[in-house]
Amino acid sequence: FFSLASTYPSAAFAEIVDLGQKHLRKLRRLDGGAAFGIEKRIMEISN
């Protein structure tokens, strides 16, 4: 998604965010602490 996101962010991040949620759900099962830290960073940047 780099080429698309760097030119048309709204089109790319619709899919990137969806994929990110799937990765977060998986990471919570594997390492809750790591999932919490990364999710917090994503929220701080998104805000």
ModelCIF file with pLDDT and N, C-alpha, C, O atoms, coordinates in Angstrom:
data_MODEL
#
_entry.id   MODEL 
#
_entity.id                         1 
_entity.type                       polymer 
_entity.pdbx_number_of_molecules   1 
#
_entity_poly.entity_id                      1 
_entity_poly.type                           'polypeptide(L)' 
_entity_poly.nstd_linkage                   no 
_entity_poly.nstd_monomer                   no 
_entity_poly.pdbx_seq_one_letter_code       FFSLASTYPSAAFAEIVDLGQKHLRKLRRLDGGAAFGIEKRIMEISN 
_entity_poly.pdbx_seq_one_letter_code_can   FFSLASTYPSAAFAEIVDLGQKHLRKLRRLDGGAAFGIEKRIMEISN 
_entity_poly.pdbx_strand_id                 A 
#
loop_
_entity_poly_seq.entity_id 
_entity_poly_seq.num 
_entity_poly_seq.mon_id 
_entity_poly_seq.hetero 
1 1  PHE n 
1 2  PHE n 
1 3  SER n 
1 4  LEU n 
1 5  ALA n 
1 6  SER n 
1 7  THR n 
1 8  TYR n 
1 9  PRO n 
1 10 SER n 
1 11 ALA n 
1 12 ALA n 
1 13 PHE n 
1 14 ALA n 
1 15 GLU n 
1 16 ILE n 
1 17 VAL n 
1 18 ASP n 
1 19 LEU n 
1 20 GLY n 
1 21 GLN n 
1 22 LYS n 
1 23 HIS n 
1 24 LEU n 
1 25 ARG n 
1 26 LYS n 
1 27 LEU n 
1 28 ARG n 
1 29 ARG n 
1 30 LEU n 
1 31 ASP n 
1 32 GLY n 
1 33 GLY n 
1 34 ALA n 
1 35 ALA n 
1 36 PHE n 
1 37 GLY n 
1 38 ILE n 
1 39 GLU n 
1 40 LYS n 
1 41 ARG n 
1 42 ILE n 
1 43 MET n 
1 44 GLU n 
1 45 ILE n 
1 46 SER n 
1 47 ASN n 
#
_struct_asym.id          A 
_struct_asym.entity_id   1 
#
loop_
_ma_qa_metric.id 
_ma_qa_metric.mode 
_ma_qa_metric.name 
_ma_qa_metric.software_group_id 
_ma_qa_metric.type 
1 global pLDDT . pLDDT 
2 local  pLDDT . pLDDT 
#
_ma_qa_metric_global.metric_id      1 
_ma_qa_metric_global.metric_value   94.49 
_ma_qa_metric_global.model_id       1 
_ma_qa_metric_global.ordinal_id     1 
#
loop_
_ma_qa_metric_local.label_asym_id 
_ma_qa_metric_local.label_comp_id 
_ma_qa_metric_local.label_seq_id 
_ma_qa_metric_local.metric_id 
_ma_qa_metric_local.metric_value 
_ma_qa_metric_local.model_id 
_ma_qa_metric_local.ordinal_id 
A PHE 1  2 94.00 1 1  
A PHE 2  2 94.00 1 2  
A SER 3  2 94.00 1 3  
A LEU 4  2 95.00 1 4  
A ALA 5  2 95.00 1 5  
A SER 6  2 95.00 1 6  
A THR 7  2 95.00 1 7  
A TYR 8  2 95.00 1 8  
A PRO 9  2 95.00 1 9  
A SER 10 2 94.00 1 10 
A ALA 11 2 94.00 1 11 
A ALA 12 2 96.00 1 12 
A PHE 13 2 95.00 1 13 
A ALA 14 2 92.00 1 14 
A GLU 15 2 95.00 1 15 
A ILE 16 2 96.00 1 16 
A VAL 17 2 95.00 1 17 
A ASP 18 2 95.00 1 18 
A LEU 19 2 95.00 1 19 
A GLY 20 2 95.00 1 20 
A GLN 21 2 95.00 1 21 
A LYS 22 2 95.00 1 22 
A HIS 23 2 95.00 1 23 
A LEU 24 2 95.00 1 24 
A ARG 25 2 95.00 1 25 
A LYS 26 2 95.00 1 26 
A LEU 27 2 95.00 1 27 
A ARG 28 2 94.00 1 28 
A ARG 29 2 93.00 1 29 
A LEU 30 2 93.00 1 30 
A ASP 31 2 93.00 1 31 
A GLY 32 2 93.00 1 32 
A GLY 33 2 92.00 1 33 
A ALA 34 2 92.00 1 34 
A ALA 35 2 94.00 1 35 
A PHE 36 2 95.00 1 36 
A GLY 37 2 93.00 1 37 
A ILE 38 2 94.00 1 38 
A GLU 39 2 95.00 1 39 
A LYS 40 2 95.00 1 40 
A ARG 41 2 95.00 1 41 
A ILE 42 2 96.00 1 42 
A MET 43 2 95.00 1 43 
A GLU 44 2 95.00 1 44 
A ILE 45 2 96.00 1 45 
A SER 46 2 95.00 1 46 
A ASN 47 2 94.00 1 47 
#
loop_
_atom_site.group_PDB 
_atom_site.id 
_atom_site.type_symbol 
_atom_site.label_atom_id 
_atom_site.label_alt_id 
_atom_site.label_comp_id 
_atom_site.label_asym_id 
_atom_site.label_entity_id 
_atom_site.label_seq_id 
_atom_site.pdbx_PDB_ins_code 
_atom_site.Cartn_x 
_atom_site.Cartn_y 
_atom_site.Cartn_z 
_atom_site.occupancy 
_atom_site.B_iso_or_equiv 
_atom_site.pdbx_formal_charge 
_atom_site.auth_seq_id 
_atom_site.auth_comp_id 
_atom_site.auth_asym_id 
_atom_site.auth_atom_id 
_atom_site.pdbx_PDB_model_num 
ATOM 1   N N  . PHE A 1 1  ? 0.779  -1.238  0.000  1.00 94.00 ? 1  PHE A N  1 
ATOM 2   C CA . PHE A 1 1  ? 0.000  0.000   0.000  1.00 94.00 ? 1  PHE A CA 1 
ATOM 3   C C  . PHE A 1 1  ? 0.816  1.297   0.000  1.00 94.00 ? 1  PHE A C  1 
ATOM 4   O O  . PHE A 1 1  ? 0.228  2.378   -0.048 1.00 94.00 ? 1  PHE A O  1 
ATOM 5   N N  . PHE A 1 2  ? 2.148  1.223   0.052  1.00 94.00 ? 2  PHE A N  1 
ATOM 6   C CA . PHE A 1 2  ? 2.914  2.470   0.190  1.00 94.00 ? 2  PHE A CA 1 
ATOM 7   C C  . PHE A 1 2  ? 2.640  3.444   -0.956 1.00 94.00 ? 2  PHE A C  1 
ATOM 8   O O  . PHE A 1 2  ? 2.364  4.619   -0.715 1.00 94.00 ? 2  PHE A O  1 
ATOM 9   N N  . SER A 1 3  ? 2.714  2.972   -2.187 1.00 94.00 ? 3  SER A N  1 
ATOM 10  C CA . SER A 1 3  ? 2.506  3.869   -3.332 1.00 94.00 ? 3  SER A CA 1 
ATOM 11  C C  . SER A 1 3  ? 1.119  4.514   -3.298 1.00 94.00 ? 3  SER A C  1 
ATOM 12  O O  . SER A 1 3  ? 0.978  5.712   -3.540 1.00 94.00 ? 3  SER A O  1 
ATOM 13  N N  . LEU A 1 4  ? 0.106  3.714   -2.997 1.00 95.00 ? 4  LEU A N  1 
ATOM 14  C CA . LEU A 1 4  ? -1.264 4.239   -2.956 1.00 95.00 ? 4  LEU A CA 1 
ATOM 15  C C  . LEU A 1 4  ? -1.460 5.167   -1.763 1.00 95.00 ? 4  LEU A C  1 
ATOM 16  O O  . LEU A 1 4  ? -2.044 6.242   -1.896 1.00 95.00 ? 4  LEU A O  1 
ATOM 17  N N  . ALA A 1 5  ? -0.967 4.747   -0.592 1.00 95.00 ? 5  ALA A N  1 
ATOM 18  C CA . ALA A 1 5  ? -1.162 5.550   0.616  1.00 95.00 ? 5  ALA A CA 1 
ATOM 19  C C  . ALA A 1 5  ? -0.438 6.883   0.555  1.00 95.00 ? 5  ALA A C  1 
ATOM 20  O O  . ALA A 1 5  ? -0.898 7.865   1.138  1.00 95.00 ? 5  ALA A O  1 
ATOM 21  N N  . SER A 1 6  ? 0.693  6.931   -0.145 1.00 95.00 ? 6  SER A N  1 
ATOM 22  C CA . SER A 1 6  ? 1.466  8.171   -0.224 1.00 95.00 ? 6  SER A CA 1 
ATOM 23  C C  . SER A 1 6  ? 0.903  9.144   -1.255 1.00 95.00 ? 6  SER A C  1 
ATOM 24  O O  . SER A 1 6  ? 1.356  10.285  -1.339 1.00 95.00 ? 6  SER A O  1 
ATOM 25  N N  . THR A 1 7  ? -0.067 8.711   -2.028 1.00 95.00 ? 7  THR A N  1 
ATOM 26  C CA . THR A 1 7  ? -0.708 9.608   -3.006 1.00 95.00 ? 7  THR A CA 1 
ATOM 27  C C  . THR A 1 7  ? -2.197 9.797   -2.734 1.00 95.00 ? 7  THR A C  1 
ATOM 28  O O  . THR A 1 7  ? -2.716 10.909  -2.833 1.00 95.00 ? 7  THR A O  1 
ATOM 29  N N  . TYR A 1 8  ? -2.888 8.697   -2.387 1.00 95.00 ? 8  TYR A N  1 
ATOM 30  C CA . TYR A 1 8  ? -4.326 8.754   -2.083 1.00 95.00 ? 8  TYR A CA 1 
ATOM 31  C C  . TYR A 1 8  ? -4.582 8.046   -0.751 1.00 95.00 ? 8  TYR A C  1 
ATOM 32  O O  . TYR A 1 8  ? -5.051 6.908   -0.741 1.00 95.00 ? 8  TYR A O  1 
ATOM 33  N N  . PRO A 1 9  ? -4.279 8.709   0.377  1.00 95.00 ? 9  PRO A N  1 
ATOM 34  C CA . PRO A 1 9  ? -4.369 8.052   1.690  1.00 95.00 ? 9  PRO A CA 1 
ATOM 35  C C  . PRO A 1 9  ? -5.751 7.486   2.020  1.00 95.00 ? 9  PRO A C  1 
ATOM 36  O O  . PRO A 1 9  ? -5.846 6.380   2.551  1.00 95.00 ? 9  PRO A O  1 
ATOM 37  N N  . SER A 1 10 ? -6.818 8.220   1.717  1.00 94.00 ? 10 SER A N  1 
ATOM 38  C CA . SER A 1 10 ? -8.157 7.758   2.092  1.00 94.00 ? 10 SER A CA 1 
ATOM 39  C C  . SER A 1 10 ? -8.491 6.420   1.447  1.00 94.00 ? 10 SER A C  1 
ATOM 40  O O  . SER A 1 10 ? -9.156 5.587   2.062  1.00 94.00 ? 10 SER A O  1 
ATOM 41  N N  . ALA A 1 11 ? -8.037 6.205   0.214  1.00 94.00 ? 11 ALA A N  1 
ATOM 42  C CA . ALA A 1 11 ? -8.313 4.943   -0.477 1.00 94.00 ? 11 ALA A CA 1 
ATOM 43  C C  . ALA A 1 11 ? -7.519 3.793   0.131  1.00 94.00 ? 11 ALA A C  1 
ATOM 44  O O  . ALA A 1 11 ? -8.014 2.669   0.215  1.00 94.00 ? 11 ALA A O  1 
ATOM 45  N N  . ALA A 1 12 ? -6.295 4.070   0.554  1.00 96.00 ? 12 ALA A N  1 
ATOM 46  C CA . ALA A 1 12 ? -5.424 3.008   1.075  1.00 96.00 ? 12 ALA A CA 1 
ATOM 47  C C  . ALA A 1 12 ? -5.747 2.648   2.521  1.00 96.00 ? 12 ALA A C  1 
ATOM 48  O O  . ALA A 1 12 ? -5.764 1.471   2.881  1.00 96.00 ? 12 ALA A O  1 
ATOM 49  N N  . PHE A 1 13 ? -6.007 3.677   3.365  1.00 95.00 ? 13 PHE A N  1 
ATOM 50  C CA . PHE A 1 13 ? -6.168 3.394   4.796  1.00 95.00 ? 13 PHE A CA 1 
ATOM 51  C C  . PHE A 1 13 ? -7.484 2.686   5.121  1.00 95.00 ? 13 PHE A C  1 
ATOM 52  O O  . PHE A 1 13 ? -7.619 2.110   6.201  1.00 95.00 ? 13 PHE A O  1 
ATOM 53  N N  . ALA A 1 14 ? -8.439 2.721   4.219  1.00 92.00 ? 14 ALA A N  1 
ATOM 54  C CA . ALA A 1 14 ? -9.655 1.950   4.446  1.00 92.00 ? 14 ALA A CA 1 
ATOM 55  C C  . ALA A 1 14 ? -9.323 0.461   4.569  1.00 92.00 ? 14 ALA A C  1 
ATOM 56  O O  . ALA A 1 14 ? -9.912 -0.246  5.386  1.00 92.00 ? 14 ALA A O  1 
ATOM 57  N N  . GLU A 1 15 ? -8.380 -0.007  3.758  1.00 95.00 ? 15 GLU A N  1 
ATOM 58  C CA . GLU A 1 15 ? -7.966 -1.409  3.822  1.00 95.00 ? 15 GLU A CA 1 
ATOM 59  C C  . GLU A 1 15 ? -6.902 -1.642  4.886  1.00 95.00 ? 15 GLU A C  1 
ATOM 60  O O  . GLU A 1 15 ? -6.886 -2.686  5.539  1.00 95.00 ? 15 GLU A O  1 
ATOM 61  N N  . ILE A 1 16 ? -6.004 -0.656  5.061  1.00 96.00 ? 16 ILE A N  1 
ATOM 62  C CA . ILE A 1 16 ? -4.921 -0.816  6.042  1.00 96.00 ? 16 ILE A CA 1 
ATOM 63  C C  . ILE A 1 16 ? -5.489 -0.960  7.456  1.00 96.00 ? 16 ILE A C  1 
ATOM 64  O O  . ILE A 1 16 ? -5.047 -1.815  8.223  1.00 96.00 ? 16 ILE A O  1 
ATOM 65  N N  . VAL A 1 17 ? -6.471 -0.121  7.795  1.00 95.00 ? 17 VAL A N  1 
ATOM 66  C CA . VAL A 1 17 ? -7.068 -0.179  9.129  1.00 95.00 ? 17 VAL A CA 1 
ATOM 67  C C  . VAL A 1 17 ? -7.773 -1.518  9.347  1.00 95.00 ? 17 VAL A C  1 
ATOM 68  O O  . VAL A 1 17 ? -7.696 -2.093  10.433 1.00 95.00 ? 17 VAL A O  1 
ATOM 69  N N  . ASP A 1 18 ? -8.457 -2.010  8.322  1.00 95.00 ? 18 ASP A N  1 
ATOM 70  C CA . ASP A 1 18 ? -9.150 -3.293  8.441  1.00 95.00 ? 18 ASP A CA 1 
ATOM 71  C C  . ASP A 1 18 ? -8.159 -4.433  8.696  1.00 95.00 ? 18 ASP A C  1 
ATOM 72  O O  . ASP A 1 18 ? -8.391 -5.290  9.549  1.00 95.00 ? 18 ASP A O  1 
ATOM 73  N N  . LEU A 1 19 ? -7.049 -4.431  7.945  1.00 95.00 ? 19 LEU A N  1 
ATOM 74  C CA . LEU A 1 19 ? -6.015 -5.445  8.160  1.00 95.00 ? 19 LEU A CA 1 
ATOM 75  C C  . LEU A 1 19 ? -5.384 -5.305  9.542  1.00 95.00 ? 19 LEU A C  1 
ATOM 76  O O  . LEU A 1 19 ? -5.055 -6.299  10.189 1.00 95.00 ? 19 LEU A O  1 
ATOM 77  N N  . GLY A 1 20 ? -5.220 -4.052  9.988  1.00 95.00 ? 20 GLY A N  1 
ATOM 78  C CA . GLY A 1 20 ? -4.629 -3.805  11.294 1.00 95.00 ? 20 GLY A CA 1 
ATOM 79  C C  . GLY A 1 20 ? -5.468 -4.381  12.421 1.00 95.00 ? 20 GLY A C  1 
ATOM 80  O O  . GLY A 1 20 ? -4.928 -4.914  13.390 1.00 95.00 ? 20 GLY A O  1 
ATOM 81  N N  . GLN A 1 21 ? -6.794 -4.276  12.299 1.00 95.00 ? 21 GLN A N  1 
ATOM 82  C CA . GLN A 1 21 ? -7.677 -4.837  13.332 1.00 95.00 ? 21 GLN A CA 1 
ATOM 83  C C  . GLN A 1 21 ? -7.526 -6.360  13.425 1.00 95.00 ? 21 GLN A C  1 
ATOM 84  O O  . GLN A 1 21 ? -7.556 -6.930  14.516 1.00 95.00 ? 21 GLN A O  1 
ATOM 85  N N  . LYS A 1 22 ? -7.365 -7.001  12.283 1.00 95.00 ? 22 LYS A N  1 
ATOM 86  C CA . LYS A 1 22 ? -7.165 -8.457  12.279 1.00 95.00 ? 22 LYS A CA 1 
ATOM 87  C C  . LYS A 1 22 ? -5.854 -8.826  12.958 1.00 95.00 ? 22 LYS A C  1 
ATOM 88  O O  . LYS A 1 22 ? -5.796 -9.792  13.720 1.00 95.00 ? 22 LYS A O  1 
ATOM 89  N N  . HIS A 1 23 ? -4.800 -8.058  12.683 1.00 95.00 ? 23 HIS A N  1 
ATOM 90  C CA . HIS A 1 23 ? -3.511 -8.323  13.319 1.00 95.00 ? 23 HIS A CA 1 
ATOM 91  C C  . HIS A 1 23 ? -3.579 -8.077  14.823 1.00 95.00 ? 23 HIS A C  1 
ATOM 92  O O  . HIS A 1 23 ? -2.975 -8.812  15.604 1.00 95.00 ? 23 HIS A O  1 
ATOM 93  N N  . LEU A 1 24 ? -4.325 -7.032  15.232 1.00 95.00 ? 24 LEU A N  1 
ATOM 94  C CA . LEU A 1 24 ? -4.442 -6.735  16.654 1.00 95.00 ? 24 LEU A CA 1 
ATOM 95  C C  . LEU A 1 24 ? -5.143 -7.868  17.408 1.00 95.00 ? 24 LEU A C  1 
ATOM 96  O O  . LEU A 1 24 ? -4.717 -8.264  18.493 1.00 95.00 ? 24 LEU A O  1 
ATOM 97  N N  . ARG A 1 25 ? -6.222 -8.379  16.818 1.00 95.00 ? 25 ARG A N  1 
ATOM 98  C CA . ARG A 1 25 ? -6.940 -9.468  17.470 1.00 95.00 ? 25 ARG A CA 1 
ATOM 99  C C  . ARG A 1 25 ? -6.029 -10.684 17.668 1.00 95.00 ? 25 ARG A C  1 
ATOM 100 O O  . ARG A 1 25 ? -6.069 -11.344 18.706 1.00 95.00 ? 25 ARG A O  1 
ATOM 101 N N  . LYS A 1 26 ? -5.219 -10.961 16.661 1.00 95.00 ? 26 LYS A N  1 
ATOM 102 C CA . LYS A 1 26 ? -4.300 -12.091 16.754 1.00 95.00 ? 26 LYS A CA 1 
ATOM 103 C C  . LYS A 1 26 ? -3.211 -11.841 17.774 1.00 95.00 ? 26 LYS A C  1 
ATOM 104 O O  . LYS A 1 26 ? -2.850 -12.739 18.534 1.00 95.00 ? 26 LYS A O  1 
ATOM 105 N N  . LEU A 1 27 ? -2.674 -10.605 17.800 1.00 95.00 ? 27 LEU A N  1 
ATOM 106 C CA . LEU A 1 27 ? -1.587 -10.284 18.715 1.00 95.00 ? 27 LEU A CA 1 
ATOM 107 C C  . LEU A 1 27 ? -2.063 -10.293 20.167 1.00 95.00 ? 27 LEU A C  1 
ATOM 108 O O  . LEU A 1 27 ? -1.294 -10.643 21.062 1.00 95.00 ? 27 LEU A O  1 
ATOM 109 N N  . ARG A 1 28 ? -3.337 -9.907  20.417 1.00 94.00 ? 28 ARG A N  1 
ATOM 110 C CA . ARG A 1 28 ? -3.866 -9.931  21.792 1.00 94.00 ? 28 ARG A CA 1 
ATOM 111 C C  . ARG A 1 28 ? -3.825 -11.346 22.365 1.00 94.00 ? 28 ARG A C  1 
ATOM 112 O O  . ARG A 1 28 ? -3.584 -11.542 23.556 1.00 94.00 ? 28 ARG A O  1 
ATOM 113 N N  . ARG A 1 29 ? -4.064 -12.319 21.501 1.00 93.00 ? 29 ARG A N  1 
ATOM 114 C CA . ARG A 1 29 ? -4.032 -13.705 21.970 1.00 93.00 ? 29 ARG A CA 1 
ATOM 115 C C  . ARG A 1 29 ? -2.599 -14.169 22.248 1.00 93.00 ? 29 ARG A C  1 
ATOM 116 O O  . ARG A 1 29 ? -2.364 -15.002 23.124 1.00 93.00 ? 29 ARG A O  1 
ATOM 117 N N  . LEU A 1 30 ? -1.648 -13.621 21.490 1.00 93.00 ? 30 LEU A N  1 
ATOM 118 C CA . LEU A 1 30 ? -0.255 -14.053 21.611 1.00 93.00 ? 30 LEU A CA 1 
ATOM 119 C C  . LEU A 1 30 ? 0.502  -13.292 22.704 1.00 93.00 ? 30 LEU A C  1 
ATOM 120 O O  . LEU A 1 30 ? 1.254  -13.883 23.479 1.00 93.00 ? 30 LEU A O  1 
ATOM 121 N N  . ASP A 1 31 ? 0.293  -11.981 22.751 1.00 93.00 ? 31 ASP A N  1 
ATOM 122 C CA . ASP A 1 31 ? 1.019  -11.134 23.711 1.00 93.00 ? 31 ASP A CA 1 
ATOM 123 C C  . ASP A 1 31 ? 0.177  -9.881  23.961 1.00 93.00 ? 31 ASP A C  1 
ATOM 124 O O  . ASP A 1 31 ? 0.247  -8.912  23.205 1.00 93.00 ? 31 ASP A O  1 
ATOM 125 N N  . GLY A 1 32 ? -0.607 -9.917  25.015 1.00 93.00 ? 32 GLY A N  1 
ATOM 126 C CA . GLY A 1 32 ? -1.502 -8.807  25.315 1.00 93.00 ? 32 GLY A CA 1 
ATOM 127 C C  . GLY A 1 32 ? -0.777 -7.501  25.572 1.00 93.00 ? 32 GLY A C  1 
ATOM 128 O O  . GLY A 1 32 ? -1.249 -6.436  25.172 1.00 93.00 ? 32 GLY A O  1 
ATOM 129 N N  . GLY A 1 33 ? 0.381  -7.576  26.244 1.00 92.00 ? 33 GLY A N  1 
ATOM 130 C CA . GLY A 1 33 ? 1.134  -6.357  26.537 1.00 92.00 ? 33 GLY A CA 1 
ATOM 131 C C  . GLY A 1 33 ? 1.626  -5.667  25.273 1.00 92.00 ? 33 GLY A C  1 
ATOM 132 O O  . GLY A 1 33 ? 1.509  -4.449  25.139 1.00 92.00 ? 33 GLY A O  1 
ATOM 133 N N  . ALA A 1 34 ? 2.181  -6.450  24.338 1.00 92.00 ? 34 ALA A N  1 
ATOM 134 C CA . ALA A 1 34 ? 2.666  -5.878  23.077 1.00 92.00 ? 34 ALA A CA 1 
ATOM 135 C C  . ALA A 1 34 ? 1.513  -5.285  22.275 1.00 92.00 ? 34 ALA A C  1 
ATOM 136 O O  . ALA A 1 34 ? 1.655  -4.227  21.662 1.00 92.00 ? 34 ALA A O  1 
ATOM 137 N N  . ALA A 1 35 ? 0.348  -5.983  22.283 1.00 94.00 ? 35 ALA A N  1 
ATOM 138 C CA . ALA A 1 35 ? -0.820 -5.494  21.555 1.00 94.00 ? 35 ALA A CA 1 
ATOM 139 C C  . ALA A 1 35 ? -1.300 -4.170  22.129 1.00 94.00 ? 35 ALA A C  1 
ATOM 140 O O  . ALA A 1 35 ? -1.663 -3.260  21.384 1.00 94.00 ? 35 ALA A O  1 
ATOM 141 N N  . PHE A 1 36 ? -1.301 -4.062  23.461 1.00 95.00 ? 36 PHE A N  1 
ATOM 142 C CA . PHE A 1 36 ? -1.742 -2.830  24.110 1.00 95.00 ? 36 PHE A CA 1 
ATOM 143 C C  . PHE A 1 36 ? -0.827 -1.655  23.736 1.00 95.00 ? 36 PHE A C  1 
ATOM 144 O O  . PHE A 1 36 ? -1.307 -0.566  23.423 1.00 95.00 ? 36 PHE A O  1 
ATOM 145 N N  . GLY A 1 37 ? 0.490  -1.883  23.770 1.00 93.00 ? 37 GLY A N  1 
ATOM 146 C CA . GLY A 1 37 ? 1.439  -0.817  23.457 1.00 93.00 ? 37 GLY A CA 1 
ATOM 147 C C  . GLY A 1 37 ? 1.319  -0.319  22.032 1.00 93.00 ? 37 GLY A C  1 
ATOM 148 O O  . GLY A 1 37 ? 1.338  0.889   21.794 1.00 93.00 ? 37 GLY A O  1 
ATOM 149 N N  . ILE A 1 38 ? 1.195  -1.232  21.083 1.00 94.00 ? 38 ILE A N  1 
ATOM 150 C CA . ILE A 1 38 ? 1.100  -0.826  19.674 1.00 94.00 ? 38 ILE A CA 1 
ATOM 151 C C  . ILE A 1 38 ? -0.232 -0.150  19.397 1.00 94.00 ? 38 ILE A C  1 
ATOM 152 O O  . ILE A 1 38 ? -0.287 0.845   18.674 1.00 94.00 ? 38 ILE A O  1 
ATOM 153 N N  . GLU A 1 39 ? -1.322 -0.692  19.976 1.00 95.00 ? 39 GLU A N  1 
ATOM 154 C CA . GLU A 1 39 ? -2.640 -0.077  19.771 1.00 95.00 ? 39 GLU A CA 1 
ATOM 155 C C  . GLU A 1 39 ? -2.660 1.341   20.333 1.00 95.00 ? 39 GLU A C  1 
ATOM 156 O O  . GLU A 1 39 ? -3.233 2.247   19.728 1.00 95.00 ? 39 GLU A O  1 
ATOM 157 N N  . LYS A 1 40 ? -2.036 1.528   21.486 1.00 95.00 ? 40 LYS A N  1 
ATOM 158 C CA . LYS A 1 40 ? -1.962 2.863   22.083 1.00 95.00 ? 40 LYS A CA 1 
ATOM 159 C C  . LYS A 1 40 ? -1.215 3.832   21.169 1.00 95.00 ? 40 LYS A C  1 
ATOM 160 O O  . LYS A 1 40 ? -1.630 4.979   21.003 1.00 95.00 ? 40 LYS A O  1 
ATOM 161 N N  . ARG A 1 41 ? -0.110 3.367   20.577 1.00 95.00 ? 41 ARG A N  1 
ATOM 162 C CA . ARG A 1 41 ? 0.660  4.224   19.670 1.00 95.00 ? 41 ARG A CA 1 
ATOM 163 C C  . ARG A 1 41 ? -0.172 4.584   18.438 1.00 95.00 ? 41 ARG A C  1 
ATOM 164 O O  . ARG A 1 41 ? -0.167 5.736   18.004 1.00 95.00 ? 41 ARG A O  1 
ATOM 165 N N  . ILE A 1 42 ? -0.878 3.616   17.877 1.00 96.00 ? 42 ILE A N  1 
ATOM 166 C CA . ILE A 1 42 ? -1.712 3.886   16.698 1.00 96.00 ? 42 ILE A CA 1 
ATOM 167 C C  . ILE A 1 42 ? -2.795 4.901   17.021 1.00 96.00 ? 42 ILE A C  1 
ATOM 168 O O  . ILE A 1 42 ? -3.081 5.781   16.209 1.00 96.00 ? 42 ILE A O  1 
ATOM 169 N N  . MET A 1 43 ? -3.401 4.786   18.201 1.00 95.00 ? 43 MET A N  1 
ATOM 170 C CA . MET A 1 43 ? -4.452 5.731   18.598 1.00 95.00 ? 43 MET A CA 1 
ATOM 171 C C  . MET A 1 43 ? -3.876 7.131   18.789 1.00 95.00 ? 43 MET A C  1 
ATOM 172 O O  . MET A 1 43 ? -4.496 8.113   18.381 1.00 95.00 ? 43 MET A O  1 
ATOM 173 N N  . GLU A 1 44 ? -2.706 7.235   19.399 1.00 95.00 ? 44 GLU A N  1 
ATOM 174 C CA . GLU A 1 44 ? -2.087 8.553   19.618 1.00 95.00 ? 44 GLU A CA 1 
ATOM 175 C C  . GLU A 1 44 ? -1.786 9.240   18.290 1.00 95.00 ? 44 GLU A C  1 
ATOM 176 O O  . GLU A 1 44 ? -1.993 10.445  18.150 1.00 95.00 ? 44 GLU A O  1 
ATOM 177 N N  . ILE A 1 45 ? -1.302 8.479   17.324 1.00 96.00 ? 45 ILE A N  1 
ATOM 178 C CA . ILE A 1 45 ? -1.004 9.059   16.007 1.00 96.00 ? 45 ILE A CA 1 
ATOM 179 C C  . ILE A 1 45 ? -2.303 9.421   15.292 1.00 96.00 ? 45 ILE A C  1 
ATOM 180 O O  . ILE A 1 45 ? -2.403 10.495  14.698 1.00 96.00 ? 45 ILE A O  1 
ATOM 181 N N  . SER A 1 46 ? -3.302 8.533   15.344 1.00 95.00 ? 46 SER A N  1 
ATOM 182 C CA . SER A 1 46 ? -4.575 8.779   14.654 1.00 95.00 ? 46 SER A CA 1 
ATOM 183 C C  . SER A 1 46 ? -5.280 10.018  15.184 1.00 95.00 ? 46 SER A C  1 
ATOM 184 O O  . SER A 1 46 ? -5.951 10.723  14.431 1.00 95.00 ? 46 SER A O  1 
ATOM 185 N N  . ASN A 1 47 ? -5.131 10.286  16.477 1.00 94.00 ? 47 ASN A N  1 
ATOM 186 C CA . ASN A 1 47 ? -5.803 11.440  17.091 1.00 94.00 ? 47 ASN A CA 1 
ATOM 187 C C  . ASN A 1 47 ? -5.256 12.778  16.594 1.00 94.00 ? 47 ASN A C  1 
ATOM 188 O O  . ASN A 1 47 ? -5.724 13.833  17.021 1.00 94.00 ? 47 ASN A O  1 
#
